[in-house]
């Protein structure tokens, strides 16, 4: 079993990445409503609700794959290079959410009710 505190830190890092990534996308021209999903996913990662790591991972992979064709076909433009890097980081984050023992321990540990 992994370390719960380390898993929580990894989850927080991924959550912050999701929000920062979308803020950068806002600067590049995305709509303000595009912030909703990353904020919801970040909250789920920070709260550590059981199985949400797998749900967030699925969303990350779906988003990365759905944009991959456009990003690769426009590879010469600097903005699309940034999007390709984002897609790679998204997929790595999704893999970490699914296979990292520390992250899985964080999501599998019952949370105390206040």
PDB file of N, CA and C in Angstrom:
ATOM      1  N   UNK A   1       0.849  -1.186   0.000  1.00  0.00           N
ATOM      2  CA  UNK A   1       0.000   0.000   0.000  1.00  0.00           C
ATOM      3  C   UNK A   1       0.888   1.240   0.000  1.00  0.00           C
ATOM      4  N   UNK A   2       0.456   2.284  -0.675  1.00  0.00           N
ATOM      5  CA  UNK A   2       1.237   3.495  -0.797  1.00  0.00           C
ATOM      6  C   UNK A   2       1.041   4.445   0.373  1.00  0.00           C
ATOM      7  N   UNK A   3       1.758   5.533   0.316  1.00  0.00           N
ATOM      8  CA  UNK A   3       1.707   6.564   1.345  1.00  0.00           C
ATOM      9  C   UNK A   3       0.570   7.544   1.022  1.00  0.00           C
ATOM     10  N   UNK A   4      -0.376   7.668   1.949  1.00  0.00           N
ATOM     11  CA  UNK A   4      -1.562   8.500   1.733  1.00  0.00           C
ATOM     12  C   UNK A   4      -1.195   9.977   1.584  1.00  0.00           C
ATOM     13  N   UNK A   5      -0.299  10.463   2.428  1.00  0.00           N
ATOM     14  CA  UNK A   5       0.075  11.893   2.367  1.00  0.00           C
ATOM     15  C   UNK A   5       0.784  12.230   1.057  1.00  0.00           C
ATOM     16  N   UNK A   6       1.638  11.338   0.594  1.00  0.00           N
ATOM     17  CA  UNK A   6       2.309  11.558  -0.690  1.00  0.00           C
ATOM     18  C   UNK A   6       1.287  11.546  -1.819  1.00  0.00           C
ATOM     19  N   UNK A   7       0.342  10.629  -1.756  1.00  0.00           N
ATOM     20  CA  UNK A   7      -0.717  10.573  -2.758  1.00  0.00           C
ATOM     21  C   UNK A   7      -1.557  11.836  -2.775  1.00  0.00           C
ATOM     22  N   UNK A   8      -1.829  12.378  -1.587  1.00  0.00           N
ATOM     23  CA  UNK A   8      -2.591  13.628  -1.504  1.00  0.00           C
ATOM     24  C   UNK A   8      -1.815  14.766  -2.160  1.00  0.00           C
ATOM     25  N   UNK A   9      -0.504  14.821  -1.901  1.00  0.00           N
ATOM     26  CA  UNK A   9       0.320  15.873  -2.517  1.00  0.00           C
ATOM     27  C   UNK A   9       0.333  15.754  -4.035  1.00  0.00           C
ATOM     28  N   UNK A  10       0.483  14.527  -4.549  1.00  0.00           N
ATOM     29  CA  UNK A  10       0.441  14.315  -5.998  1.00  0.00           C
ATOM     30  C   UNK A  10      -0.903  14.761  -6.564  1.00  0.00           C
ATOM     31  N   UNK A  11      -1.982  14.426  -5.875  1.00  0.00           N
ATOM     32  CA  UNK A  11      -3.318  14.808  -6.334  1.00  0.00           C
ATOM     33  C   UNK A  11      -3.484  16.320  -6.364  1.00  0.00           C
ATOM     34  N   UNK A  12      -2.958  16.992  -5.359  1.00  0.00           N
ATOM     35  CA  UNK A  12      -3.042  18.457  -5.314  1.00  0.00           C
ATOM     36  C   UNK A  12      -2.240  19.071  -6.455  1.00  0.00           C
ATOM     37  N   UNK A  13      -1.067  18.507  -6.743  1.00  0.00           N
ATOM     38  CA  UNK A  13      -0.250  19.017  -7.854  1.00  0.00           C
ATOM     39  C   UNK A  13      -1.011  18.874  -9.175  1.00  0.00           C
ATOM     40  N   UNK A  14      -1.640  17.733  -9.387  1.00  0.00           N
ATOM     41  CA  UNK A  14      -2.406  17.526 -10.618  1.00  0.00           C
ATOM     42  C   UNK A  14      -3.596  18.483 -10.656  1.00  0.00           C
ATOM     43  N   UNK A  15      -4.257  18.691  -9.525  1.00  0.00           N
ATOM     44  CA  UNK A  15      -5.393  19.619  -9.459  1.00  0.00           C
ATOM     45  C   UNK A  15      -4.966  21.040  -9.815  1.00  0.00           C
ATOM     46  N   UNK A  16      -3.858  21.480  -9.262  1.00  0.00           N
ATOM     47  CA  UNK A  16      -3.355  22.828  -9.566  1.00  0.00           C
ATOM     48  C   UNK A  16      -2.993  22.931 -11.042  1.00  0.00           C
ATOM     49  N   UNK A  17      -2.358  21.889 -11.579  1.00  0.00           N
ATOM     50  CA  UNK A  17      -2.014  21.876 -12.996  1.00  0.00           C
ATOM     51  C   UNK A  17      -3.267  22.053 -13.865  1.00  0.00           C
ATOM     52  N   UNK A  18      -4.341  21.342 -13.526  1.00  0.00           N
ATOM     53  CA  UNK A  18      -5.570  21.428 -14.324  1.00  0.00           C
ATOM     54  C   UNK A  18      -6.111  22.853 -14.385  1.00  0.00           C
ATOM     55  N   UNK A  19      -6.108  23.533 -13.259  1.00  0.00           N
ATOM     56  CA  UNK A  19      -6.651  24.897 -13.215  1.00  0.00           C
ATOM     57  C   UNK A  19      -5.699  25.871 -13.916  1.00  0.00           C
ATOM     58  N   UNK A  20      -4.407  25.760 -13.661  1.00  0.00           N
ATOM     59  CA  UNK A  20      -3.427  26.653 -14.301  1.00  0.00           C
ATOM     60  C   UNK A  20      -3.446  26.460 -15.809  1.00  0.00           C
ATOM     61  N   UNK A  21      -3.521  25.205 -16.250  1.00  0.00           N
ATOM     62  CA  UNK A  21      -3.580  24.909 -17.691  1.00  0.00           C
ATOM     63  C   UNK A  21      -4.772  25.610 -18.332  1.00  0.00           C
ATOM     64  N   UNK A  22      -5.907  25.566 -17.666  1.00  0.00           N
ATOM     65  CA  UNK A  22      -7.094  26.185 -18.245  1.00  0.00           C
ATOM     66  C   UNK A  22      -7.013  27.707 -18.218  1.00  0.00           C
ATOM     67  N   UNK A  23      -6.381  28.272 -17.219  1.00  0.00           N
ATOM     68  CA  UNK A  23      -6.175  29.724 -17.186  1.00  0.00           C
ATOM     69  C   UNK A  23      -5.300  30.140 -18.372  1.00  0.00           C
ATOM     70  N   UNK A  24      -4.264  29.357 -18.662  1.00  0.00           N
ATOM     71  CA  UNK A  24      -3.424  29.640 -19.838  1.00  0.00           C
ATOM     72  C   UNK A  24      -4.265  29.546 -21.106  1.00  0.00           C
ATOM     73  N   UNK A  25      -5.123  28.526 -21.177  1.00  0.00           N
ATOM     74  CA  UNK A  25      -5.995  28.399 -22.350  1.00  0.00           C
ATOM     75  C   UNK A  25      -6.964  29.577 -22.472  1.00  0.00           C
ATOM     76  N   UNK A  26      -7.397  30.112 -21.336  1.00  0.00           N
ATOM     77  CA  UNK A  26      -8.243  31.320 -21.375  1.00  0.00           C
ATOM     78  C   UNK A  26      -7.479  32.475 -21.995  1.00  0.00           C
ATOM     79  N   UNK A  27      -6.231  32.615 -21.630  1.00  0.00           N
ATOM     80  CA  UNK A  27      -5.397  33.684 -22.189  1.00  0.00           C
ATOM     81  C   UNK A  27      -5.239  33.498 -23.695  1.00  0.00           C
ATOM     82  N   UNK A  28      -5.203  32.217 -24.127  1.00  0.00           N
ATOM     83  CA  UNK A  28      -5.033  31.920 -25.553  1.00  0.00           C
ATOM     84  C   UNK A  28      -6.349  31.960 -26.331  1.00  0.00           C
ATOM     85  N   UNK A  29      -7.467  32.229 -25.631  1.00  0.00           N
ATOM     86  CA  UNK A  29      -8.714  32.434 -26.352  1.00  0.00           C
ATOM     87  C   UNK A  29      -9.868  31.519 -25.994  1.00  0.00           C
ATOM     88  N   UNK A  30      -9.721  30.636 -25.026  1.00  0.00           N
ATOM     89  CA  UNK A  30     -10.841  29.772 -24.636  1.00  0.00           C
ATOM     90  C   UNK A  30     -11.898  30.600 -23.898  1.00  0.00           C
ATOM     91  N   UNK A  31     -13.108  30.087 -23.845  1.00  0.00           N
ATOM     92  CA  UNK A  31     -14.188  30.773 -23.146  1.00  0.00           C
ATOM     93  C   UNK A  31     -14.099  30.566 -21.643  1.00  0.00           C
ATOM     94  N   UNK A  32     -14.678  31.493 -20.892  1.00  0.00           N
ATOM     95  CA  UNK A  32     -14.630  31.440 -19.431  1.00  0.00           C
ATOM     96  C   UNK A  32     -15.335  30.200 -18.895  1.00  0.00           C
ATOM     97  N   UNK A  33     -16.345  29.710 -19.606  1.00  0.00           N
ATOM     98  CA  UNK A  33     -17.072  28.523 -19.143  1.00  0.00           C
ATOM     99  C   UNK A  33     -16.205  27.267 -19.181  1.00  0.00           C
ATOM    100  N   UNK A  34     -15.108  27.326 -19.906  1.00  0.00           N
ATOM    101  CA  UNK A  34     -14.210  26.165 -19.967  1.00  0.00           C
ATOM    102  C   UNK A  34     -13.472  25.937 -18.651  1.00  0.00           C
ATOM    103  N   UNK A  35     -13.616  26.862 -17.714  1.00  0.00           N
ATOM    104  CA  UNK A  35     -12.999  26.691 -16.392  1.00  0.00           C
ATOM    105  C   UNK A  35     -13.797  25.758 -15.488  1.00  0.00           C
ATOM    106  N   UNK A  36     -15.053  25.513 -15.810  1.00  0.00           N
ATOM    107  CA  UNK A  36     -15.928  24.749 -14.912  1.00  0.00           C
ATOM    108  C   UNK A  36     -15.414  23.325 -14.704  1.00  0.00           C
ATOM    109  N   UNK A  37     -15.184  22.596 -15.771  1.00  0.00           N
ATOM    110  CA  UNK A  37     -14.754  21.201 -15.655  1.00  0.00           C
ATOM    111  C   UNK A  37     -13.422  21.059 -14.916  1.00  0.00           C
ATOM    112  N   UNK A  38     -12.383  21.840 -15.247  1.00  0.00           N
ATOM    113  CA  UNK A  38     -11.126  21.703 -14.492  1.00  0.00           C
ATOM    114  C   UNK A  38     -11.286  22.020 -13.002  1.00  0.00           C
ATOM    115  N   UNK A  39     -12.130  22.982 -12.671  1.00  0.00           N
ATOM    116  CA  UNK A  39     -12.332  23.310 -11.257  1.00  0.00           C
ATOM    117  C   UNK A  39     -13.033  22.159 -10.551  1.00  0.00           C
ATOM    118  N   UNK A  40     -14.044  21.576 -11.190  1.00  0.00           N
ATOM    119  CA  UNK A  40     -14.742  20.429 -10.595  1.00  0.00           C
ATOM    120  C   UNK A  40     -13.769  19.260 -10.417  1.00  0.00           C
ATOM    121  N   UNK A  41     -12.967  18.987 -11.442  1.00  0.00           N
ATOM    122  CA  UNK A  41     -12.002  17.884 -11.342  1.00  0.00           C
ATOM    123  C   UNK A  41     -10.978  18.164 -10.244  1.00  0.00           C
ATOM    124  N   UNK A  42     -10.527  19.408 -10.127  1.00  0.00           N
ATOM    125  CA  UNK A  42      -9.561  19.764  -9.084  1.00  0.00           C
ATOM    126  C   UNK A  42     -10.159  19.547  -7.697  1.00  0.00           C
ATOM    127  N   UNK A  43     -11.405  19.940  -7.518  1.00  0.00           N
ATOM    128  CA  UNK A  43     -12.071  19.746  -6.221  1.00  0.00           C
ATOM    129  C   UNK A  43     -12.155  18.254  -5.893  1.00  0.00           C
ATOM    130  N   UNK A  44     -12.526  17.442  -6.879  1.00  0.00           N
ATOM    131  CA  UNK A  44     -12.610  15.998  -6.653  1.00  0.00           C
ATOM    132  C   UNK A  44     -11.249  15.417  -6.287  1.00  0.00           C
ATOM    133  N   UNK A  45     -10.198  15.891  -6.940  1.00  0.00           N
ATOM    134  CA  UNK A  45      -8.850  15.398  -6.623  1.00  0.00           C
ATOM    135  C   UNK A  45      -8.418  15.820  -5.228  1.00  0.00           C
ATOM    136  N   UNK A  46      -8.728  17.030  -4.844  1.00  0.00           N
ATOM    137  CA  UNK A  46      -8.323  17.523  -3.526  1.00  0.00           C
ATOM    138  C   UNK A  46      -9.111  16.819  -2.419  1.00  0.00           C
ATOM    139  N   UNK A  47     -10.398  16.580  -2.649  1.00  0.00           N
ATOM    140  CA  UNK A  47     -11.211  15.904  -1.634  1.00  0.00           C
ATOM    141  C   UNK A  47     -10.864  14.427  -1.517  1.00  0.00           C
ATOM    142  N   UNK A  48     -10.345  13.846  -2.570  1.00  0.00           N
ATOM    143  CA  UNK A  48      -9.943  12.446  -2.535  1.00  0.00           C
ATOM    144  C   UNK A  48     -11.104  11.481  -2.438  1.00  0.00           C
ATOM    145  N   UNK A  49     -12.216  11.796  -3.084  1.00  0.00           N
ATOM    146  CA  UNK A  49     -13.394  10.934  -3.057  1.00  0.00           C
ATOM    147  C   UNK A  49     -13.076   9.634  -3.807  1.00  0.00           C
ATOM    148  N   UNK A  50     -13.432   8.521  -3.183  1.00  0.00           N
ATOM    149  CA  UNK A  50     -13.101   7.202  -3.722  1.00  0.00           C
ATOM    150  C   UNK A  50     -13.528   7.072  -5.181  1.00  0.00           C
ATOM    151  N   UNK A  51     -12.631   6.555  -5.985  1.00  0.00           N
ATOM    152  CA  UNK A  51     -12.789   6.280  -7.422  1.00  0.00           C
ATOM    153  C   UNK A  51     -12.804   7.532  -8.304  1.00  0.00           C
ATOM    154  N   UNK A  52     -12.773   8.714  -7.743  1.00  0.00           N
ATOM    155  CA  UNK A  52     -12.751   9.924  -8.576  1.00  0.00           C
ATOM    156  C   UNK A  52     -11.445  10.061  -9.344  1.00  0.00           C
ATOM    157  N   UNK A  53     -10.373   9.463  -8.820  1.00  0.00           N
ATOM    158  CA  UNK A  53      -9.116   9.499  -9.562  1.00  0.00           C
ATOM    159  C   UNK A  53      -9.283   8.844 -10.937  1.00  0.00           C
ATOM    160  N   UNK A  54     -10.059   7.749 -10.998  1.00  0.00           N
ATOM    161  CA  UNK A  54     -10.274   7.070 -12.275  1.00  0.00           C
ATOM    162  C   UNK A  54     -11.172   7.901 -13.201  1.00  0.00           C
ATOM    163  N   UNK A  55     -12.173   8.553 -12.641  1.00  0.00           N
ATOM    164  CA  UNK A  55     -13.043   9.408 -13.442  1.00  0.00           C
ATOM    165  C   UNK A  55     -12.290  10.581 -14.037  1.00  0.00           C
ATOM    166  N   UNK A  56     -11.468  11.239 -13.215  1.00  0.00           N
ATOM    167  CA  UNK A  56     -10.668  12.368 -13.704  1.00  0.00           C
ATOM    168  C   UNK A  56      -9.679  11.885 -14.760  1.00  0.00           C
ATOM    169  N   UNK A  57      -9.080  10.726 -14.536  1.00  0.00           N
ATOM    170  CA  UNK A  57      -8.135  10.173 -15.514  1.00  0.00           C
ATOM    171  C   UNK A  57      -8.825   9.935 -16.855  1.00  0.00           C
ATOM    172  N   UNK A  58     -10.031   9.384 -16.832  1.00  0.00           N
ATOM    173  CA  UNK A  58     -10.784   9.147 -18.073  1.00  0.00           C
ATOM    174  C   UNK A  58     -11.055  10.447 -18.817  1.00  0.00           C
ATOM    175  N   UNK A  59     -11.477  11.468 -18.087  1.00  0.00           N
ATOM    176  CA  UNK A  59     -11.757  12.761 -18.719  1.00  0.00           C
ATOM    177  C   UNK A  59     -10.475  13.337 -19.332  1.00  0.00           C
ATOM    178  N   UNK A  60      -9.358  13.244 -18.613  1.00  0.00           N
ATOM    179  CA  UNK A  60      -8.087  13.758 -19.141  1.00  0.00           C
ATOM    180  C   UNK A  60      -7.692  13.060 -20.434  1.00  0.00           C
ATOM    181  N   UNK A  61      -7.822  11.749 -20.477  1.00  0.00           N
ATOM    182  CA  UNK A  61      -7.444  10.996 -21.672  1.00  0.00           C
ATOM    183  C   UNK A  61      -8.390  11.319 -22.826  1.00  0.00           C
ATOM    184  N   UNK A  62      -9.685  11.390 -22.562  1.00  0.00           N
ATOM    185  CA  UNK A  62     -10.647  11.709 -23.618  1.00  0.00           C
ATOM    186  C   UNK A  62     -10.363  13.084 -24.212  1.00  0.00           C
ATOM    187  N   UNK A  63     -10.103  14.054 -23.357  1.00  0.00           N
ATOM    188  CA  UNK A  63      -9.810  15.408 -23.847  1.00  0.00           C
ATOM    189  C   UNK A  63      -8.516  15.416 -24.659  1.00  0.00           C
ATOM    190  N   UNK A  64      -7.477  14.760 -24.152  1.00  0.00           N
ATOM    191  CA  UNK A  64      -6.188  14.740 -24.858  1.00  0.00           C
ATOM    192  C   UNK A  64      -6.310  14.067 -26.220  1.00  0.00           C
ATOM    193  N   UNK A  65      -6.993  12.934 -26.263  1.00  0.00           N
ATOM    194  CA  UNK A  65      -7.134  12.200 -27.525  1.00  0.00           C
ATOM    195  C   UNK A  65      -8.021  12.957 -28.509  1.00  0.00           C
ATOM    196  N   UNK A  66      -9.080  13.576 -28.014  1.00  0.00           N
ATOM    197  CA  UNK A  66      -9.993  14.278 -28.926  1.00  0.00           C
ATOM    198  C   UNK A  66      -9.341  15.485 -29.597  1.00  0.00           C
ATOM    199  N   UNK A  67      -8.342  16.066 -28.964  1.00  0.00           N
ATOM    200  CA  UNK A  67      -7.664  17.233 -29.554  1.00  0.00           C
ATOM    201  C   UNK A  67      -6.360  16.877 -30.260  1.00  0.00           C
ATOM    202  N   UNK A  68      -5.938  15.632 -30.149  1.00  0.00           N
ATOM    203  CA  UNK A  68      -4.631  15.249 -30.687  1.00  0.00           C
ATOM    204  C   UNK A  68      -4.526  15.454 -32.192  1.00  0.00           C
ATOM    205  N   UNK A  69      -5.564  15.104 -32.951  1.00  0.00           N
ATOM    206  CA  UNK A  69      -5.510  15.237 -34.408  1.00  0.00           C
ATOM    207  C   UNK A  69      -5.293  16.671 -34.856  1.00  0.00           C
ATOM    208  N   UNK A  70      -6.058  17.584 -34.300  1.00  0.00           N
ATOM    209  CA  UNK A  70      -5.927  19.000 -34.647  1.00  0.00           C
ATOM    210  C   UNK A  70      -4.553  19.524 -34.256  1.00  0.00           C
ATOM    211  N   UNK A  71      -4.114  19.149 -33.066  1.00  0.00           N
ATOM    212  CA  UNK A  71      -2.823  19.651 -32.587  1.00  0.00           C
ATOM    213  C   UNK A  71      -1.672  19.126 -33.435  1.00  0.00           C
ATOM    214  N   UNK A  72      -1.729  17.878 -33.856  1.00  0.00           N
ATOM    215  CA  UNK A  72      -0.661  17.319 -34.686  1.00  0.00           C
ATOM    216  C   UNK A  72      -0.704  17.859 -36.106  1.00  0.00           C
ATOM    217  N   UNK A  73      -1.902  18.108 -36.640  1.00  0.00           N
ATOM    218  CA  UNK A  73      -1.999  18.623 -38.012  1.00  0.00           C
ATOM    219  C   UNK A  73      -1.548  20.080 -38.109  1.00  0.00           C
ATOM    220  N   UNK A  74      -1.565  20.796 -36.992  1.00  0.00           N
ATOM    221  CA  UNK A  74      -1.116  22.191 -36.963  1.00  0.00           C
ATOM    222  C   UNK A  74       0.191  22.326 -36.181  1.00  0.00           C
ATOM    223  N   UNK A  75       1.015  21.304 -36.245  1.00  0.00           N
ATOM    224  CA  UNK A  75       2.218  21.215 -35.420  1.00  0.00           C
ATOM    225  C   UNK A  75       3.162  22.404 -35.573  1.00  0.00           C
ATOM    226  N   UNK A  76       3.226  23.040 -36.722  1.00  0.00           N
ATOM    227  CA  UNK A  76       4.170  24.124 -36.960  1.00  0.00           C
ATOM    228  C   UNK A  76       3.888  25.396 -36.177  1.00  0.00           C
ATOM    229  N   UNK A  77       2.686  25.559 -35.671  1.00  0.00           N
ATOM    230  CA  UNK A  77       2.333  26.766 -34.955  1.00  0.00           C
ATOM    231  C   UNK A  77       2.665  26.611 -33.474  1.00  0.00           C
ATOM    232  N   UNK A  78       3.236  27.655 -32.874  1.00  0.00           N
ATOM    233  CA  UNK A  78       3.683  27.590 -31.479  1.00  0.00           C
ATOM    234  C   UNK A  78       2.570  27.232 -30.514  1.00  0.00           C
ATOM    235  N   UNK A  79       1.377  27.759 -30.741  1.00  0.00           N
ATOM    236  CA  UNK A  79       0.251  27.495 -29.846  1.00  0.00           C
ATOM    237  C   UNK A  79      -0.084  26.004 -29.827  1.00  0.00           C
ATOM    238  N   UNK A  80      -0.020  25.361 -30.985  1.00  0.00           N
ATOM    239  CA  UNK A  80      -0.342  23.939 -31.047  1.00  0.00           C
ATOM    240  C   UNK A  80       0.754  23.089 -30.426  1.00  0.00           C
ATOM    241  N   UNK A  81       1.982  23.564 -30.459  1.00  0.00           N
ATOM    242  CA  UNK A  81       3.062  22.856 -29.768  1.00  0.00           C
ATOM    243  C   UNK A  81       2.778  22.838 -28.269  1.00  0.00           C
ATOM    244  N   UNK A  82       2.310  23.949 -27.731  1.00  0.00           N
ATOM    245  CA  UNK A  82       1.917  24.013 -26.324  1.00  0.00           C
ATOM    246  C   UNK A  82       0.792  23.025 -26.046  1.00  0.00           C
ATOM    247  N   UNK A  83      -0.170  22.929 -26.960  1.00  0.00           N
ATOM    248  CA  UNK A  83      -1.287  22.003 -26.777  1.00  0.00           C
ATOM    249  C   UNK A  83      -0.824  20.548 -26.809  1.00  0.00           C
ATOM    250  N   UNK A  84       0.168  20.238 -27.650  1.00  0.00           N
ATOM    251  CA  UNK A  84       0.710  18.872 -27.693  1.00  0.00           C
ATOM    252  C   UNK A  84       1.384  18.543 -26.367  1.00  0.00           C
ATOM    253  N   UNK A  85       2.147  19.490 -25.832  1.00  0.00           N
ATOM    254  CA  UNK A  85       2.786  19.276 -24.528  1.00  0.00           C
ATOM    255  C   UNK A  85       1.716  19.091 -23.451  1.00  0.00           C
ATOM    256  N   UNK A  86       0.661  19.898 -23.495  1.00  0.00           N
ATOM    257  CA  UNK A  86      -0.453  19.746 -22.550  1.00  0.00           C
ATOM    258  C   UNK A  86      -1.049  18.352 -22.642  1.00  0.00           C
ATOM    259  N   UNK A  87      -1.260  17.864 -23.857  1.00  0.00           N
ATOM    260  CA  UNK A  87      -1.840  16.542 -24.055  1.00  0.00           C
ATOM    261  C   UNK A  87      -0.966  15.447 -23.473  1.00  0.00           C
ATOM    262  N   UNK A  88       0.334  15.570 -23.663  1.00  0.00           N
ATOM    263  CA  UNK A  88       1.263  14.579 -23.103  1.00  0.00           C
ATOM    264  C   UNK A  88       1.214  14.613 -21.584  1.00  0.00           C
ATOM    265  N   UNK A  89       1.209  15.808 -21.005  1.00  0.00           N
ATOM    266  CA  UNK A  89       1.131  15.929 -19.544  1.00  0.00           C
ATOM    267  C   UNK A  89      -0.206  15.390 -19.042  1.00  0.00           C
ATOM    268  N   UNK A  90      -1.293  15.659 -19.771  1.00  0.00           N
ATOM    269  CA  UNK A  90      -2.607  15.135 -19.388  1.00  0.00           C
ATOM    270  C   UNK A  90      -2.581  13.604 -19.329  1.00  0.00           C
ATOM    271  N   UNK A  91      -2.012  12.975 -20.347  1.00  0.00           N
ATOM    272  CA  UNK A  91      -1.962  11.513 -20.382  1.00  0.00           C
ATOM    273  C   UNK A  91      -1.073  10.973 -19.264  1.00  0.00           C
ATOM    274  N   UNK A  92       0.062  11.616 -19.025  1.00  0.00           N
ATOM    275  CA  UNK A  92       0.922  11.183 -17.914  1.00  0.00           C
ATOM    276  C   UNK A  92       0.215  11.337 -16.575  1.00  0.00           C
ATOM    277  N   UNK A  93      -0.521  12.429 -16.408  1.00  0.00           N
ATOM    278  CA  UNK A  93      -1.295  12.627 -15.182  1.00  0.00           C
ATOM    279  C   UNK A  93      -2.365  11.570 -15.015  1.00  0.00           C
ATOM    280  N   UNK A  94      -3.025  11.219 -16.120  1.00  0.00           N
ATOM    281  CA  UNK A  94      -4.058  10.179 -16.073  1.00  0.00           C
ATOM    282  C   UNK A  94      -3.459   8.836 -15.682  1.00  0.00           C
ATOM    283  N   UNK A  95      -2.313   8.516 -16.246  1.00  0.00           N
ATOM    284  CA  UNK A  95      -1.646   7.259 -15.896  1.00  0.00           C
ATOM    285  C   UNK A  95      -1.274   7.260 -14.417  1.00  0.00           C
ATOM    286  N   UNK A  96      -0.736   8.377 -13.938  1.00  0.00           N
ATOM    287  CA  UNK A  96      -0.367   8.468 -12.520  1.00  0.00           C
ATOM    288  C   UNK A  96      -1.589   8.289 -11.624  1.00  0.00           C
ATOM    289  N   UNK A  97      -2.712   8.890 -12.000  1.00  0.00           N
ATOM    290  CA  UNK A  97      -3.930   8.767 -11.197  1.00  0.00           C
ATOM    291  C   UNK A  97      -4.422   7.323 -11.125  1.00  0.00           C
ATOM    292  N   UNK A  98      -4.108   6.535 -12.131  1.00  0.00           N
ATOM    293  CA  UNK A  98      -4.587   5.153 -12.164  1.00  0.00           C
ATOM    294  C   UNK A  98      -3.608   4.132 -11.598  1.00  0.00           C
ATOM    295  N   UNK A  99      -2.308   4.380 -11.714  1.00  0.00           N
ATOM    296  CA  UNK A  99      -1.351   3.326 -11.351  1.00  0.00           C
ATOM    297  C   UNK A  99      -0.437   3.669 -10.182  1.00  0.00           C
ATOM    298  N   UNK A 100      -0.306   4.931  -9.831  1.00  0.00           N
ATOM    299  CA  UNK A 100       0.584   5.299  -8.733  1.00  0.00           C
ATOM    300  C   UNK A 100       0.012   4.802  -7.407  1.00  0.00           C
ATOM    301  N   UNK A 101       0.783   4.006  -6.685  1.00  0.00           N
ATOM    302  CA  UNK A 101       0.308   3.411  -5.429  1.00  0.00           C
ATOM    303  C   UNK A 101      -0.032   4.451  -4.371  1.00  0.00           C
ATOM    304  N   UNK A 102       0.719   5.536  -4.306  1.00  0.00           N
ATOM    305  CA  UNK A 102       0.447   6.578  -3.320  1.00  0.00           C
ATOM    306  C   UNK A 102      -0.886   7.273  -3.609  1.00  0.00           C
ATOM    307  N   UNK A 103      -1.114   7.595  -4.878  1.00  0.00           N
ATOM    308  CA  UNK A 103      -2.373   8.246  -5.252  1.00  0.00           C
ATOM    309  C   UNK A 103      -3.547   7.299  -5.015  1.00  0.00           C
ATOM    310  N   UNK A 104      -3.391   6.043  -5.389  1.00  0.00           N
ATOM    311  CA  UNK A 104      -4.469   5.073  -5.161  1.00  0.00           C
ATOM    312  C   UNK A 104      -4.743   4.910  -3.669  1.00  0.00           C
ATOM    313  N   UNK A 105      -3.694   4.931  -2.846  1.00  0.00           N
ATOM    314  CA  UNK A 105      -3.887   4.824  -1.391  1.00  0.00           C
ATOM    315  C   UNK A 105      -4.673   6.016  -0.862  1.00  0.00           C
ATOM    316  N   UNK A 106      -4.387   7.207  -1.381  1.00  0.00           N
ATOM    317  CA  UNK A 106      -5.101   8.402  -0.948  1.00  0.00           C
ATOM    318  C   UNK A 106      -6.592   8.293  -1.267  1.00  0.00           C
ATOM    319  N   UNK A 107      -6.918   7.807  -2.452  1.00  0.00           N
ATOM    320  CA  UNK A 107      -8.326   7.695  -2.853  1.00  0.00           C
ATOM    321  C   UNK A 107      -9.030   6.500  -2.208  1.00  0.00           C
ATOM    322  N   UNK A 108      -8.274   5.486  -1.817  1.00  0.00           N
ATOM    323  CA  UNK A 108      -8.875   4.291  -1.204  1.00  0.00           C
ATOM    324  C   UNK A 108      -9.044   4.419   0.307  1.00  0.00           C
ATOM    325  N   UNK A 109      -8.377   5.386   0.919  1.00  0.00           N
ATOM    326  CA  UNK A 109      -8.465   5.549   2.366  1.00  0.00           C
ATOM    327  C   UNK A 109      -9.748   6.288   2.730  1.00  0.00           C
ATOM    328  N   UNK A 110     -10.545   5.730   3.641  1.00  0.00           N
ATOM    329  CA  UNK A 110     -11.781   6.435   4.063  1.00  0.00           C
ATOM    330  C   UNK A 110     -11.440   7.799   4.680  1.00  0.00           C
ATOM    331  N   UNK A 111     -12.214   8.796   4.317  1.00  0.00           N
ATOM    332  CA  UNK A 111     -12.022  10.149   4.850  1.00  0.00           C
ATOM    333  C   UNK A 111     -12.849  10.293   6.112  1.00  0.00           C
ATOM    334  N   UNK A 112     -12.330  11.038   7.085  1.00  0.00           N
ATOM    335  CA  UNK A 112     -13.063  11.246   8.320  1.00  0.00           C
ATOM    336  C   UNK A 112     -14.151  12.294   8.116  1.00  0.00           C
ATOM    337  N   UNK A 113     -15.302  12.045   8.666  1.00  0.00           N
ATOM    338  CA  UNK A 113     -16.413  12.988   8.608  1.00  0.00           C
ATOM    339  C   UNK A 113     -16.238  14.026   9.712  1.00  0.00           C
ATOM    340  N   UNK A 114     -16.460  15.291   9.397  1.00  0.00           N
ATOM    341  CA  UNK A 114     -16.322  16.333  10.420  1.00  0.00           C
ATOM    342  C   UNK A 114     -17.619  16.570  11.132  1.00  0.00           C
TER     343      UNK A 114
END
